[in-house]
């Protein structure tokens, strides 16, 4: 554990410190052990990235779905995206300010109160860092830098603090939409083999495919002049991407034409093969399309999609043989302009960040049908855009 993180843990997190004194060869060996105050097993802290230069915290009861606001716990950065360490009470947040170099900040979460203590930060080498993916197998944070059209990889230390910036790759390309004047990397996913990273680029209408070395945390490409990529439909605006549970299929959400695309993934050929495309807007919709978020259920049987243009959520059933999707349900998001959502660790709850209406709404998930239901539980959060769960 680093000295900085140990100091923060001991002095600021409300921990219980036990000093064990051992006498050996006339010398005193002092060992300090820190144990955080316990949180009930059914309680998770929800951290909400916002467009308001602050991170807000909520207390969530996974047994009842009750959501309680704690309030702002970090301020000053445009932290539109937050992500949690899979094992430690650590939260990572981007700085999405397009006027300066982006960064990733690590915070230690107090398991008793939900308070955040800044641990450290690292620059990403790009501007407008808008997305993070934590790869547990390699202890790497991978970020998409929207404004500079680049992706970055950062090593994560054993104590959860961020290490050095390892690699940054700049992308090129453009499209016909006014938002596609240049490349805009929007998210990143690691394939099940751990050898490749798939990066949807909204500006270039591409899904770039890079090599990823888990041993060194480094991203690389075979040919700088002609990087390997799947060419998406012109003007579609690839946004977010997820692998299915078995790793054979990939689900891509395109923002500008609001479609969900299904692919078969072949790691041996580093290739995406098109399977299916489905519009997420209703047949009667004639406004400006805008898709926001996508997630796969923990068991891989369902895909959840957020439709920002119509303030709706869609649930799709997954064919285990072909990966094809079929619509199961379309419901209101419970607010205005849904921007992000997250499924809790139990898989029973979906929390939706409705950005314009300033609310995080709780939906229950039926484990058999996959359908969601608005529980009526919500919390007021100014400009919510993403959610992350910390146990």
Foldseek 3Di string as FASTA:
>chain_A
DDPLVVVCQPPPQPWDWDWDWDADPNDTDTDIDTDADADPPQKWKKWFQFQQQFIWIWIAGNVPRFIGGPGTQDGDANFQDKAADPPFQKIWTKRQAQVDFIKIWIWHARNVRRHTDTRGMATFRAHRFAEWDQDVVLQKIKTWRFPQQKIWIWHADPVRGTHYTQDMAHDFAAFDDPSQPTWGWAYWDAFPVRQWIWTFTQNHQWTFIWTADSPRRDTHADDSVDTDIDHHPGNQGWHDKDAFPVRQKIWIAGFFQAKIWIWGADPVVRDTHTDDIDHPDDPPDDDGWGWADWDAQPVRQWIWTATQVVQKIWIWGADPVRRDTDTQDIDHVPEHRWHEWDADPVSQWIWTQHFPRQKIWIWGADPPSRDTDGPVHMDGHHGTHYMYIRD
